[in-house]
PDB file of N, CA and C in Angstrom:
ATOM      1  N   UNK A   1      -5.102 -15.144   0.472  1.00  0.00           N
ATOM      2  CA  UNK A   1      -4.217 -13.508   0.456  1.00  0.00           C
ATOM      3  C   UNK A   1      -3.934 -13.322   1.176  1.00  0.00           C
ATOM      4  N   UNK A   2      -4.430 -13.497   2.380  1.00  0.00           N
ATOM      5  CA  UNK A   2      -3.590 -13.671   3.942  1.00  0.00           C
ATOM      6  C   UNK A   2      -2.156 -13.960   3.682  1.00  0.00           C
ATOM      7  N   UNK A   3      -1.826 -15.639   3.035  1.00  0.00           N
ATOM      8  CA  UNK A   3      -0.923 -15.934   3.557  1.00  0.00           C
ATOM      9  C   UNK A   3       0.517 -15.170   1.894  1.00  0.00           C
ATOM     10  N   UNK A   4      -0.519 -14.648   1.455  1.00  0.00           N
ATOM     11  CA  UNK A   4       0.484 -13.966   0.318  1.00  0.00           C
ATOM     12  C   UNK A   4       0.617 -12.645   0.589  1.00  0.00           C
ATOM     13  N   UNK A   5       0.136 -12.391   1.285  1.00  0.00           N
ATOM     14  CA  UNK A   5       0.835 -11.019   2.486  1.00  0.00           C
ATOM     15  C   UNK A   5       1.882 -10.746   3.622  1.00  0.00           C
ATOM     16  N   UNK A   6       1.786 -12.234   3.985  1.00  0.00           N
ATOM     17  CA  UNK A   6       2.886 -12.689   5.309  1.00  0.00           C
ATOM     18  C   UNK A   6       3.733 -13.575   4.658  1.00  0.00           C
ATOM     19  N   UNK A   7       3.844 -13.591   3.649  1.00  0.00           N
ATOM     20  CA  UNK A   7       5.228 -14.543   2.580  1.00  0.00           C
ATOM     21  C   UNK A   7       5.794 -12.582   2.209  1.00  0.00           C
ATOM     22  N   UNK A   8       4.807 -12.143   1.764  1.00  0.00           N
ATOM     23  CA  UNK A   8       5.629 -10.178   1.562  1.00  0.00           C
ATOM     24  C   UNK A   8       6.759  -9.773   2.430  1.00  0.00           C
ATOM     25  N   UNK A   9       5.804 -10.024   3.714  1.00  0.00           N
ATOM     26  CA  UNK A   9       6.243  -9.302   5.164  1.00  0.00           C
ATOM     27  C   UNK A   9       7.502 -10.140   5.431  1.00  0.00           C
ATOM     28  N   UNK A  10       7.547 -11.013   5.115  1.00  0.00           N
ATOM     29  CA  UNK A  10       8.411 -12.515   5.486  1.00  0.00           C
ATOM     30  C   UNK A  10      10.137 -11.497   4.334  1.00  0.00           C
ATOM     31  N   UNK A  11       9.498 -11.354   3.440  1.00  0.00           N
ATOM     32  CA  UNK A  11      10.817 -11.360   2.709  1.00  0.00           C
ATOM     33  C   UNK A  11      10.916  -9.513   2.550  1.00  0.00           C
ATOM     34  N   UNK A  12      10.384  -8.563   3.019  1.00  0.00           N
ATOM     35  CA  UNK A  12      11.081  -7.395   3.472  1.00  0.00           C
ATOM     36  C   UNK A  12      11.394  -7.101   4.973  1.00  0.00           C
ATOM     37  N   UNK A  13      11.076  -8.157   5.652  1.00  0.00           N
ATOM     38  CA  UNK A  13      12.059  -8.204   6.857  1.00  0.00           C
ATOM     39  C   UNK A  13      13.515  -8.455   6.587  1.00  0.00           C
ATOM     40  N   UNK A  14      13.021  -9.298   5.360  1.00  0.00           N
ATOM     41  CA  UNK A  14      14.425 -10.053   5.304  1.00  0.00           C
ATOM     42  C   UNK A  14      15.472  -8.789   4.266  1.00  0.00           C
ATOM     43  N   UNK A  15      15.313  -7.840   3.756  1.00  0.00           N
ATOM     44  CA  UNK A  15      15.268  -7.271   2.912  1.00  0.00           C
ATOM     45  C   UNK A  15      15.816  -5.654   3.576  1.00  0.00           C
ATOM     46  N   UNK A  16      15.007  -5.463   4.878  1.00  0.00           N
ATOM     47  CA  UNK A  16      15.674  -4.589   5.532  1.00  0.00           C
ATOM     48  C   UNK A  16      16.664  -5.000   7.132  1.00  0.00           C
ATOM     49  N   UNK A  17      17.150  -6.143   6.954  1.00  0.00           N
ATOM     50  CA  UNK A  17      17.527  -6.654   7.865  1.00  0.00           C
ATOM     51  C   UNK A  17      18.933  -5.532   8.430  1.00  0.00           C
ATOM     52  N   UNK A  18      18.671  -5.277  10.177  1.00  0.00           N
ATOM     53  CA  UNK A  18      20.085  -4.514   9.973  1.00  0.00           C
ATOM     54  C   UNK A  18      19.372  -2.771   9.809  1.00  0.00           C
ATOM     55  N   UNK A  19      18.757  -2.371   9.348  1.00  0.00           N
ATOM     56  CA  UNK A  19      18.284  -0.939   8.553  1.00  0.00           C
ATOM     57  C   UNK A  19      17.388  -0.088   9.544  1.00  0.00           C
ATOM     58  N   UNK A  20      17.056   1.037   9.574  1.00  0.00           N
ATOM     59  CA  UNK A  20      16.286   1.264   9.820  1.00  0.00           C
ATOM     60  C   UNK A  20      14.617   0.957   9.740  1.00  0.00           C
ATOM     61  N   UNK A  21      14.544   0.594   8.928  1.00  0.00           N
ATOM     62  CA  UNK A  21      13.109  -0.136   8.714  1.00  0.00           C
ATOM     63  C   UNK A  21      12.831  -1.246   9.405  1.00  0.00           C
ATOM     64  N   UNK A  22      13.786  -1.773   9.516  1.00  0.00           N
ATOM     65  CA  UNK A  22      13.562  -3.252  10.271  1.00  0.00           C
ATOM     66  C   UNK A  22      12.826  -3.415  11.563  1.00  0.00           C
ATOM     67  N   UNK A  23      12.444  -2.318  11.797  1.00  0.00           N
ATOM     68  CA  UNK A  23      11.602  -2.673  13.081  1.00  0.00           C
ATOM     69  C   UNK A  23      10.280  -2.386  12.591  1.00  0.00           C
ATOM     70  N   UNK A  24       9.627  -2.093  11.727  1.00  0.00           N
ATOM     71  CA  UNK A  24       8.851  -1.404  10.549  1.00  0.00           C
ATOM     72  C   UNK A  24       8.401  -2.688  10.201  1.00  0.00           C
ATOM     73  N   UNK A  25       9.111  -3.587   9.662  1.00  0.00           N
ATOM     74  CA  UNK A  25       9.122  -4.731   8.811  1.00  0.00           C
ATOM     75  C   UNK A  25       8.323  -6.042   9.387  1.00  0.00           C
ATOM     76  N   UNK A  26       9.184  -5.918  11.196  1.00  0.00           N
ATOM     77  CA  UNK A  26       8.833  -6.755  12.233  1.00  0.00           C
ATOM     78  C   UNK A  26       7.262  -7.156  12.124  1.00  0.00           C
ATOM     79  N   UNK A  27       7.007  -5.288  13.043  1.00  0.00           N
ATOM     80  CA  UNK A  27       5.289  -5.170  13.079  1.00  0.00           C
ATOM     81  C   UNK A  27       4.419  -5.309  12.293  1.00  0.00           C
ATOM     82  N   UNK A  28       4.948  -4.987  10.750  1.00  0.00           N
ATOM     83  CA  UNK A  28       3.643  -5.463   9.813  1.00  0.00           C
ATOM     84  C   UNK A  28       3.681  -6.728   9.499  1.00  0.00           C
ATOM     85  N   UNK A  29       4.772  -7.898   9.639  1.00  0.00           N
ATOM     86  CA  UNK A  29       4.512  -8.675   9.677  1.00  0.00           C
ATOM     87  C   UNK A  29       4.408  -9.876  10.970  1.00  0.00           C
ATOM     88  N   UNK A  30       4.555  -9.223  11.849  1.00  0.00           N
ATOM     89  CA  UNK A  30       3.882  -9.581  12.606  1.00  0.00           C
ATOM     90  C   UNK A  30       1.959  -9.467  12.815  1.00  0.00           C
ATOM     91  N   UNK A  31       1.340  -8.392  12.098  1.00  0.00           N
ATOM     92  CA  UNK A  31       0.594  -7.671  12.105  1.00  0.00           C
ATOM     93  C   UNK A  31      -0.260  -8.969  10.558  1.00  0.00           C
ATOM     94  N   UNK A  32       0.138  -8.972  10.319  1.00  0.00           N
ATOM     95  CA  UNK A  32      -0.127 -10.202   8.959  1.00  0.00           C
ATOM     96  C   UNK A  32       0.088 -11.403   9.046  1.00  0.00           C
ATOM     97  N   UNK A  33       0.787 -11.938  10.381  1.00  0.00           N
ATOM     98  CA  UNK A  33       0.157 -13.441  11.178  1.00  0.00           C
ATOM     99  C   UNK A  33      -0.868 -13.591  11.887  1.00  0.00           C
ATOM    100  N   UNK A  34      -0.671 -12.121  12.707  1.00  0.00           N
ATOM    101  CA  UNK A  34      -2.337 -11.877  13.128  1.00  0.00           C
ATOM    102  C   UNK A  34      -3.752 -12.094  12.312  1.00  0.00           C
ATOM    103  N   UNK A  35      -3.205 -11.791  10.239  1.00  0.00           N
ATOM    104  CA  UNK A  35      -4.714 -11.246  10.269  1.00  0.00           C
ATOM    105  C   UNK A  35      -5.314 -13.170   9.783  1.00  0.00           C
ATOM    106  N   UNK A  36      -3.676 -13.832   9.312  1.00  0.00           N
ATOM    107  CA  UNK A  36      -3.553 -15.101   9.026  1.00  0.00           C
ATOM    108  C   UNK A  36      -4.445 -16.189   9.926  1.00  0.00           C
ATOM    109  N   UNK A  37      -4.180 -15.096  11.312  1.00  0.00           N
ATOM    110  CA  UNK A  37      -4.926 -16.173  12.460  1.00  0.00           C
ATOM    111  C   UNK A  37      -6.105 -15.944  12.564  1.00  0.00           C
ATOM    112  N   UNK A  38      -6.568 -14.802  12.190  1.00  0.00           N
ATOM    113  CA  UNK A  38      -8.220 -14.446  12.017  1.00  0.00           C
ATOM    114  C   UNK A  38      -8.753 -14.839  11.489  1.00  0.00           C
ATOM    115  N   UNK A  39      -8.379 -15.100  10.326  1.00  0.00           N
ATOM    116  CA  UNK A  39      -8.596 -15.909   8.765  1.00  0.00           C
ATOM    117  C   UNK A  39      -9.134 -17.159   8.923  1.00  0.00           C
ATOM    118  N   UNK A  40      -8.133 -18.003   9.626  1.00  0.00           N
ATOM    119  CA  UNK A  40      -8.307 -19.650  10.167  1.00  0.00           C
ATOM    120  C   UNK A  40      -8.980 -19.271  11.020  1.00  0.00           C
ATOM    121  N   UNK A  41      -9.931 -18.503  11.587  1.00  0.00           N
ATOM    122  CA  UNK A  41     -11.116 -18.892  12.313  1.00  0.00           C
ATOM    123  C   UNK A  41     -12.026 -19.112  11.815  1.00  0.00           C
ATOM    124  N   UNK A  42     -12.761 -18.669  10.253  1.00  0.00           N
ATOM    125  CA  UNK A  42     -13.648 -18.553   9.668  1.00  0.00           C
ATOM    126  C   UNK A  42     -13.623 -18.999   8.294  1.00  0.00           C
ATOM    127  N   UNK A  43     -12.683 -20.341   8.295  1.00  0.00           N
ATOM    128  CA  UNK A  43     -11.782 -20.921   6.838  1.00  0.00           C
ATOM    129  C   UNK A  43     -13.315 -21.387   6.802  1.00  0.00           C
ATOM    130  N   UNK A  44     -14.346 -21.441   7.259  1.00  0.00           N
ATOM    131  CA  UNK A  44     -15.880 -22.656   7.033  1.00  0.00           C
ATOM    132  C   UNK A  44     -16.616 -21.500   6.494  1.00  0.00           C
ATOM    133  N   UNK A  45     -16.091 -20.445   6.880  1.00  0.00           N
ATOM    134  CA  UNK A  45     -17.525 -19.163   6.422  1.00  0.00           C
ATOM    135  C   UNK A  45     -16.636 -18.373   5.786  1.00  0.00           C
ATOM    136  N   UNK A  46     -15.422 -17.696   4.915  1.00  0.00           N
ATOM    137  CA  UNK A  46     -14.890 -17.086   4.709  1.00  0.00           C
ATOM    138  C   UNK A  46     -15.796 -15.503   4.576  1.00  0.00           C
ATOM    139  N   UNK A  47     -16.776 -15.295   4.328  1.00  0.00           N
ATOM    140  CA  UNK A  47     -17.465 -14.060   4.331  1.00  0.00           C
ATOM    141  C   UNK A  47     -18.373 -13.539   5.524  1.00  0.00           C
ATOM    142  N   UNK A  48     -18.224 -14.267   6.994  1.00  0.00           N
ATOM    143  CA  UNK A  48     -18.193 -14.228   8.539  1.00  0.00           C
ATOM    144  C   UNK A  48     -17.241 -12.819   9.208  1.00  0.00           C
ATOM    145  N   UNK A  49     -15.874 -12.844   8.422  1.00  0.00           N
ATOM    146  CA  UNK A  49     -14.554 -12.821   8.760  1.00  0.00           C
ATOM    147  C   UNK A  49     -14.694 -11.129   9.215  1.00  0.00           C
ATOM    148  N   UNK A  50     -14.161 -10.505   9.935  1.00  0.00           N
ATOM    149  CA  UNK A  50     -14.705  -9.282  10.130  1.00  0.00           C
ATOM    150  C   UNK A  50     -13.471  -8.518   9.537  1.00  0.00           C
ATOM    151  N   UNK A  51     -14.557  -7.620   9.139  1.00  0.00           N
ATOM    152  CA  UNK A  51     -13.141  -6.379   7.895  1.00  0.00           C
ATOM    153  C   UNK A  51     -12.550  -6.003   8.386  1.00  0.00           C
ATOM    154  N   UNK A  52     -12.361  -6.070   9.671  1.00  0.00           N
ATOM    155  CA  UNK A  52     -10.846  -5.501  10.114  1.00  0.00           C
ATOM    156  C   UNK A  52      -9.987  -6.328   9.787  1.00  0.00           C
ATOM    157  N   UNK A  53      -9.996  -7.323   9.785  1.00  0.00           N
ATOM    158  CA  UNK A  53      -8.627  -8.686   9.456  1.00  0.00           C
ATOM    159  C   UNK A  53      -8.432  -8.082   7.789  1.00  0.00           C
ATOM    160  N   UNK A  54      -9.684  -8.086   7.321  1.00  0.00           N
ATOM    161  CA  UNK A  54      -9.249  -7.820   5.601  1.00  0.00           C
ATOM    162  C   UNK A  54      -8.472  -6.785   5.739  1.00  0.00           C
ATOM    163  N   UNK A  55      -8.827  -5.949   6.335  1.00  0.00           N
ATOM    164  CA  UNK A  55      -8.165  -4.028   6.406  1.00  0.00           C
ATOM    165  C   UNK A  55      -6.724  -4.389   6.667  1.00  0.00           C
ATOM    166  N   UNK A  56      -6.625  -5.228   7.731  1.00  0.00           N
ATOM    167  CA  UNK A  56      -5.080  -5.325   8.382  1.00  0.00           C
ATOM    168  C   UNK A  56      -4.257  -6.130   7.726  1.00  0.00           C
ATOM    169  N   UNK A  57      -5.024  -7.031   6.876  1.00  0.00           N
ATOM    170  CA  UNK A  57      -4.239  -8.174   5.545  1.00  0.00           C
ATOM    171  C   UNK A  57      -3.686  -6.851   4.394  1.00  0.00           C
ATOM    172  N   UNK A  58      -4.713  -6.754   4.300  1.00  0.00           N
ATOM    173  CA  UNK A  58      -4.090  -5.700   3.022  1.00  0.00           C
ATOM    174  C   UNK A  58      -3.259  -4.626   3.752  1.00  0.00           C
ATOM    175  N   UNK A  59      -3.500  -4.056   4.773  1.00  0.00           N
ATOM    176  CA  UNK A  59      -2.474  -2.656   4.924  1.00  0.00           C
ATOM    177  C   UNK A  59      -1.115  -2.768   4.996  1.00  0.00           C
ATOM    178  N   UNK A  60      -0.861  -4.706   5.680  1.00  0.00           N
ATOM    179  CA  UNK A  60       0.173  -4.789   5.864  1.00  0.00           C
ATOM    180  C   UNK A  60       0.977  -5.287   4.565  1.00  0.00           C
ATOM    181  N   UNK A  61       0.163  -5.886   3.871  1.00  0.00           N
ATOM    182  CA  UNK A  61       0.789  -6.448   2.817  1.00  0.00           C
ATOM    183  C   UNK A  61       0.973  -4.899   2.012  1.00  0.00           C
ATOM    184  N   UNK A  62       0.474  -3.697   1.354  1.00  0.00           N
ATOM    185  CA  UNK A  62       1.549  -2.949   1.275  1.00  0.00           C
ATOM    186  C   UNK A  62       2.120  -2.165   2.017  1.00  0.00           C
ATOM    187  N   UNK A  63       2.389  -2.592   3.166  1.00  0.00           N
ATOM    188  CA  UNK A  63       3.357  -2.047   4.143  1.00  0.00           C
ATOM    189  C   UNK A  63       5.033  -3.166   3.666  1.00  0.00           C
ATOM    190  N   UNK A  64       4.329  -4.212   3.143  1.00  0.00           N
ATOM    191  CA  UNK A  64       5.145  -5.335   3.300  1.00  0.00           C
ATOM    192  C   UNK A  64       6.056  -4.760   2.010  1.00  0.00           C
ATOM    193  N   UNK A  65       4.982  -4.678   0.764  1.00  0.00           N
ATOM    194  CA  UNK A  65       5.869  -4.190  -0.458  1.00  0.00           C
ATOM    195  C   UNK A  65       6.416  -3.206  -0.444  1.00  0.00           C
ATOM    196  N   UNK A  66       5.852  -1.724  -0.034  1.00  0.00           N
ATOM    197  CA  UNK A  66       6.614  -0.881   0.665  1.00  0.00           C
ATOM    198  C   UNK A  66       7.967  -1.092   0.413  1.00  0.00           C
ATOM    199  N   UNK A  67       8.091  -1.288   1.851  1.00  0.00           N
ATOM    200  CA  UNK A  67       9.179  -1.907   2.475  1.00  0.00           C
ATOM    201  C   UNK A  67      10.797  -2.567   2.384  1.00  0.00           C
ATOM    202  N   UNK A  68      10.010  -3.660   0.664  1.00  0.00           N
ATOM    203  CA  UNK A  68      10.637  -4.693   0.201  1.00  0.00           C
ATOM    204  C   UNK A  68      11.252  -3.726  -0.405  1.00  0.00           C
ATOM    205  N   UNK A  69      11.131  -2.432  -0.776  1.00  0.00           N
ATOM    206  CA  UNK A  69      11.737  -1.927  -2.694  1.00  0.00           C
ATOM    207  C   UNK A  69      11.929  -1.403  -1.740  1.00  0.00           C
ATOM    208  N   UNK A  70      12.253  -0.175  -0.484  1.00  0.00           N
ATOM    209  CA  UNK A  70      12.752   0.173  -0.274  1.00  0.00           C
ATOM    210  C   UNK A  70      13.713  -0.279   0.708  1.00  0.00           C
ATOM    211  N   UNK A  71      13.949  -1.532   1.117  1.00  0.00           N
ATOM    212  CA  UNK A  71      15.512  -2.200   1.982  1.00  0.00           C
ATOM    213  C   UNK A  71      15.875  -2.702   0.329  1.00  0.00           C
ATOM    214  N   UNK A  72      15.491  -3.461  -0.673  1.00  0.00           N
ATOM    215  CA  UNK A  72      16.493  -3.804  -1.978  1.00  0.00           C
ATOM    216  C   UNK A  72      17.098  -2.885  -2.770  1.00  0.00           C
ATOM    217  N   UNK A  73      16.376  -2.150  -2.363  1.00  0.00           N
ATOM    218  CA  UNK A  73      17.132  -0.349  -3.668  1.00  0.00           C
ATOM    219  C   UNK A  73      18.019   0.654  -2.557  1.00  0.00           C
ATOM    220  N   UNK A  74      17.841  -0.166  -1.256  1.00  0.00           N
ATOM    221  CA  UNK A  74      18.780   0.683  -0.300  1.00  0.00           C
ATOM    222  C   UNK A  74      20.373  -0.548  -0.003  1.00  0.00           C
TER     223      UNK A  74
END
């Protein structure tokens, strides 16, 4: 799931390239990449992954979806 959120954030960065929301999209993408890194440390026991990593992944994914919609609609 974290990898999917990272791909959504890449799409949102591309959609917002050269626009005002580009910085927010890049920050969200970096946060998503960080969550993937955290999850990779717990690949043998995913249930032991910290809760903040799950929340970070979901929040950055939702931000990426919203920014992709905004970027493609303008």
